[in-house]
Amino acid sequence: MELVIETGRRNEMIDITAQINRALPRSLQCGICLVHCPHTTAGLTVNENADPDVKHDLLAKMDALIPHHESYYLHGEGNSAAHLKSTLTGVSLTLPVVNGRLHLGVWQGVYFCEFDGPRTRHVELFFLEASPESFSGPAERSAGL
């Protein structure tokens, strides 16, 4: 399964939680969703989705830590900062699925992180089903297992 994401700015964070939940197979009640970004200048993260200021603050801090231009950048395409930011966020997430939905914290969302936009991007989803008997942990109560 693949999501197509249109980004609009050089740096932005797009909440893709609802898209992932819609893409989950109906038969997947308990298991794992692997979310993979096959790009070297973008990434994925889980963070707060209640307050949009969090996205602003995260992007602002990454820009302060990793400026777009540095005198020592050698990469000819001019997007070294995007490669560095992608390395910091990572390009894959392994997320639990409980009761047919991503099992996230109350304030958590899954974000696609664009660092070299605007572009058309792709996010790949892989699913692994688990038997309810193999599921153990704090989420058992909310899963009714």
C-alpha atoms as a PDB file:
ATOM      1  CA  MET A   1       0.000   0.000   0.000  1.00  0.00           C
ATOM      2  CA  GLU A   2       1.293   3.457  -0.827  1.00  0.00           C
ATOM      3  CA  LEU A   3       0.247   6.959   0.181  1.00  0.00           C
ATOM      4  CA  VAL A   4       0.959   9.887  -2.139  1.00  0.00           C
ATOM      5  CA  ILE A   5       1.707  13.146  -0.358  1.00  0.00           C
ATOM      6  CA  GLU A   6       1.906  16.566  -1.998  1.00  0.00           C
ATOM      7  CA  THR A   7       4.080  18.947  -0.003  1.00  0.00           C
ATOM      8  CA  GLY A   8       3.899  22.713  -0.349  1.00  0.00           C
ATOM      9  CA  ARG A   9       6.997  24.111   1.355  1.00  0.00           C
ATOM     10  CA  ARG A  10      10.699  23.350   1.691  1.00  0.00           C
ATOM     11  CA  ASN A  11      10.205  22.294   5.311  1.00  0.00           C
ATOM     12  CA  GLU A  12       6.892  21.095   6.666  1.00  0.00           C
ATOM     13  CA  MET A  13       5.287  18.416   8.789  1.00  0.00           C
ATOM     14  CA  ILE A  14       2.097  16.806   7.495  1.00  0.00           C
ATOM     15  CA  ASP A  15      -0.103  14.715   9.784  1.00  0.00           C
ATOM     16  CA  ILE A  16      -0.750  11.429   7.936  1.00  0.00           C
ATOM     17  CA  THR A  17      -2.388   9.559  10.836  1.00  0.00           C
ATOM     18  CA  ALA A  18      -5.883   9.547   9.317  1.00  0.00           C
ATOM     19  CA  GLN A  19      -4.562   8.445   5.915  1.00  0.00           C
ATOM     20  CA  ILE A  20      -2.762   5.506   7.516  1.00  0.00           C
ATOM     21  CA  ASN A  21      -5.819   4.505   9.543  1.00  0.00           C
ATOM     22  CA  ARG A  22      -7.950   4.574   6.365  1.00  0.00           C
ATOM     23  CA  ALA A  23      -5.405   2.393   4.566  1.00  0.00           C
ATOM     24  CA  LEU A  24      -5.329  -0.321   7.244  1.00  0.00           C
ATOM     25  CA  PRO A  25      -6.892  -3.539   5.953  1.00  0.00           C
ATOM     26  CA  ARG A  26     -10.249  -4.211   7.613  1.00  0.00           C
ATOM     27  CA  SER A  27      -9.025  -7.692   8.476  1.00  0.00           C
ATOM     28  CA  LEU A  28      -6.095  -6.292  10.502  1.00  0.00           C
ATOM     29  CA  GLN A  29      -7.410  -6.055  14.047  1.00  0.00           C
ATOM     30  CA  CYS A  30      -4.159  -6.701  15.909  1.00  0.00           C
ATOM     31  CA  GLY A  31      -0.656  -6.355  14.514  1.00  0.00           C
ATOM     32  CA  ILE A  32       1.957  -3.982  13.219  1.00  0.00           C
ATOM     33  CA  CYS A  33       1.980  -1.259  10.593  1.00  0.00           C
ATOM     34  CA  LEU A  34       5.421  -0.464   9.207  1.00  0.00           C
ATOM     35  CA  VAL A  35       5.508   3.022   7.700  1.00  0.00           C
ATOM     36  CA  HIS A  36       8.419   3.645   5.334  1.00  0.00           C
ATOM     37  CA  CYS A  37       9.596   6.786   3.529  1.00  0.00           C
ATOM     38  CA  PRO A  38      11.722   5.867   0.472  1.00  0.00           C
ATOM     39  CA  HIS A  39      13.232   9.370   0.183  1.00  0.00           C
ATOM     40  CA  THR A  40      16.611  10.664   1.372  1.00  0.00           C
ATOM     41  CA  THR A  41      15.438  14.230   2.036  1.00  0.00           C
ATOM     42  CA  ALA A  42      12.264  13.501   4.010  1.00  0.00           C
ATOM     43  CA  GLY A  43      11.409  11.539   7.125  1.00  0.00           C
ATOM     44  CA  LEU A  44       8.786  10.295   9.548  1.00  0.00           C
ATOM     45  CA  THR A  45       8.099  10.917  13.207  1.00  0.00           C
ATOM     46  CA  VAL A  46       5.449  10.533  15.886  1.00  0.00           C
ATOM     47  CA  ASN A  47       4.712  13.657  17.886  1.00  0.00           C
ATOM     48  CA  GLU A  48       1.961  15.800  19.354  1.00  0.00           C
ATOM     49  CA  ASN A  49      -0.907  16.537  16.985  1.00  0.00           C
ATOM     50  CA  ALA A  50      -3.112  18.688  19.240  1.00  0.00           C
ATOM     51  CA  ASP A  51      -1.226  21.989  19.058  1.00  0.00           C
ATOM     52  CA  PRO A  52       0.099  23.184  15.670  1.00  0.00           C
ATOM     53  CA  ASP A  53       2.740  25.235  17.475  1.00  0.00           C
ATOM     54  CA  VAL A  54       4.610  21.989  18.177  1.00  0.00           C
ATOM     55  CA  LYS A  55       5.213  21.463  14.427  1.00  0.00           C
ATOM     56  CA  HIS A  56       6.412  25.053  14.136  1.00  0.00           C
ATOM     57  CA  ASP A  57       8.759  24.680  17.100  1.00  0.00           C
ATOM     58  CA  LEU A  58      10.223  21.396  15.852  1.00  0.00           C
ATOM     59  CA  LEU A  59      10.886  22.778  12.369  1.00  0.00           C
ATOM     60  CA  ALA A  60      12.302  26.028  13.765  1.00  0.00           C
ATOM     61  CA  LYS A  61      14.706  24.157  16.042  1.00  0.00           C
ATOM     62  CA  MET A  62      15.832  21.849  13.220  1.00  0.00           C
ATOM     63  CA  ASP A  63      16.469  24.910  11.035  1.00  0.00           C
ATOM     64  CA  ALA A  64      18.505  26.492  13.839  1.00  0.00           C
ATOM     65  CA  LEU A  65      20.534  23.300  14.341  1.00  0.00           C
ATOM     66  CA  ILE A  66      20.878  22.535  10.628  1.00  0.00           C
ATOM     67  CA  PRO A  67      20.827  25.705   8.494  1.00  0.00           C
ATOM     68  CA  HIS A  68      19.960  25.423   4.803  1.00  0.00           C
ATOM     69  CA  HIS A  69      23.357  26.851   3.756  1.00  0.00           C
ATOM     70  CA  GLU A  70      26.724  26.140   5.388  1.00  0.00           C
ATOM     71  CA  SER A  71      30.113  26.994   3.889  1.00  0.00           C
ATOM     72  CA  TYR A  72      31.336  23.413   4.358  1.00  0.00           C
ATOM     73  CA  TYR A  73      28.444  21.666   2.563  1.00  0.00           C
ATOM     74  CA  LEU A  74      29.864  19.968  -0.541  1.00  0.00           C
ATOM     75  CA  HIS A  75      26.803  18.213  -2.002  1.00  0.00           C
ATOM     76  CA  GLY A  76      26.155  19.812  -5.381  1.00  0.00           C
ATOM     77  CA  GLU A  77      22.342  19.721  -5.271  1.00  0.00           C
ATOM     78  CA  GLY A  78      22.233  22.256  -2.437  1.00  0.00           C
ATOM     79  CA  ASN A  79      20.075  20.103  -0.170  1.00  0.00           C
ATOM     80  CA  SER A  80      22.602  18.831   2.362  1.00  0.00           C
ATOM     81  CA  ALA A  81      20.493  20.203   5.210  1.00  0.00           C
ATOM     82  CA  ALA A  82      17.562  18.069   4.036  1.00  0.00           C
ATOM     83  CA  HIS A  83      19.712  14.929   4.063  1.00  0.00           C
ATOM     84  CA  LEU A  84      20.891  15.703   7.602  1.00  0.00           C
ATOM     85  CA  LYS A  85      17.350  16.325   8.872  1.00  0.00           C
ATOM     86  CA  SER A  86      16.149  13.081   7.285  1.00  0.00           C
ATOM     87  CA  THR A  87      18.899  11.232   9.125  1.00  0.00           C
ATOM     88  CA  LEU A  88      17.756  12.761  12.432  1.00  0.00           C
ATOM     89  CA  THR A  89      14.073  11.901  12.018  1.00  0.00           C
ATOM     90  CA  GLY A  90      14.578   8.530  10.368  1.00  0.00           C
ATOM     91  CA  VAL A  91      12.665   7.034   7.470  1.00  0.00           C
ATOM     92  CA  SER A  92      10.570   4.295   9.060  1.00  0.00           C
ATOM     93  CA  LEU A  93       8.213   3.737  11.967  1.00  0.00           C
ATOM     94  CA  THR A  94       6.889   0.506  13.465  1.00  0.00           C
ATOM     95  CA  LEU A  95       3.458   1.170  14.939  1.00  0.00           C
ATOM     96  CA  PRO A  96       1.074  -1.146  16.801  1.00  0.00           C
ATOM     97  CA  VAL A  97      -2.417  -1.763  15.447  1.00  0.00           C
ATOM     98  CA  VAL A  98      -5.101  -2.520  18.042  1.00  0.00           C
ATOM     99  CA  ASN A  99      -8.796  -2.936  17.267  1.00  0.00           C
ATOM    100  CA  GLY A 100      -8.136  -2.111  13.637  1.00  0.00           C
ATOM    101  CA  ARG A 101      -6.539   1.303  14.287  1.00  0.00           C
ATOM    102  CA  LEU A 102      -3.101   2.671  15.023  1.00  0.00           C
ATOM    103  CA  HIS A 103      -2.485   2.462  18.740  1.00  0.00           C
ATOM    104  CA  LEU A 104      -1.123   5.919  19.553  1.00  0.00           C
ATOM    105  CA  GLY A 105      -1.166   8.091  22.634  1.00  0.00           C
ATOM    106  CA  VAL A 106      -4.004  10.571  23.080  1.00  0.00           C
ATOM    107  CA  TRP A 107      -1.995  13.504  21.719  1.00  0.00           C
ATOM    108  CA  GLN A 108       0.144  11.606  19.193  1.00  0.00           C
ATOM    109  CA  GLY A 109       0.038  11.742  15.434  1.00  0.00           C
ATOM    110  CA  VAL A 110       2.192  10.329  12.636  1.00  0.00           C
ATOM    111  CA  TYR A 111       3.971  13.002  10.628  1.00  0.00           C
ATOM    112  CA  PHE A 112       5.553  13.015   7.212  1.00  0.00           C
ATOM    113  CA  CYS A 113       8.461  15.456   7.434  1.00  0.00           C
ATOM    114  CA  GLU A 114       9.389  17.291   4.239  1.00  0.00           C
ATOM    115  CA  PHE A 115      12.850  18.841   4.169  1.00  0.00           C
ATOM    116  CA  ASP A 116      13.362  19.492   0.429  1.00  0.00           C
ATOM    117  CA  GLY A 117       9.985  20.510  -0.938  1.00  0.00           C
ATOM    118  CA  PRO A 118       7.692  21.209  -2.449  1.00  0.00           C
ATOM    119  CA  ARG A 119       7.456  17.764  -4.034  1.00  0.00           C
ATOM    120  CA  THR A 120       5.247  14.766  -4.652  1.00  0.00           C
ATOM    121  CA  ARG A 121       6.263  12.143  -2.104  1.00  0.00           C
ATOM    122  CA  HIS A 122       5.392   8.537  -1.387  1.00  0.00           C
ATOM    123  CA  VAL A 123       4.987   6.670   1.893  1.00  0.00           C
ATOM    124  CA  GLU A 124       4.862   2.877   1.860  1.00  0.00           C
ATOM    125  CA  LEU A 125       2.770   0.891   4.329  1.00  0.00           C
ATOM    126  CA  PHE A 126       3.387  -2.742   5.258  1.00  0.00           C
ATOM    127  CA  PHE A 127       1.128  -4.762   7.541  1.00  0.00           C
ATOM    128  CA  LEU A 128       1.831  -7.700   9.806  1.00  0.00           C
ATOM    129  CA  GLU A 129      -1.039  -9.448  11.533  1.00  0.00           C
ATOM    130  CA  ALA A 130      -0.631 -10.829  15.031  1.00  0.00           C
ATOM    131  CA  SER A 131      -2.873 -13.111  17.002  1.00  0.00           C
ATOM    132  CA  PRO A 132      -4.511 -11.456  20.013  1.00  0.00           C
ATOM    133  CA  GLU A 133      -2.885 -14.095  22.253  1.00  0.00           C
ATOM    134  CA  SER A 134       0.564 -12.787  21.284  1.00  0.00           C
ATOM    135  CA  PHE A 135      -0.339  -9.278  22.317  1.00  0.00           C
ATOM    136  CA  SER A 136       0.710  -8.237  25.791  1.00  0.00           C
ATOM    137  CA  GLY A 137       1.429  -4.909  27.321  1.00  0.00           C
ATOM    138  CA  PRO A 138      -0.251  -1.815  28.748  1.00  0.00           C
ATOM    139  CA  ALA A 139      -2.502  -1.529  25.695  1.00  0.00           C
ATOM    140  CA  GLU A 140      -4.208  -4.825  26.502  1.00  0.00           C
ATOM    141  CA  ARG A 141      -6.822  -2.994  28.578  1.00  0.00           C
ATOM    142  CA  SER A 142      -7.774  -0.645  25.753  1.00  0.00           C
ATOM    143  CA  ALA A 143      -7.738  -3.505  23.242  1.00  0.00           C
ATOM    144  CA  GLY A 144     -10.095  -5.607  25.297  1.00  0.00           C
ATOM    145  CA  LEU A 145      -7.655  -8.535  25.184  1.00  0.00           C
END
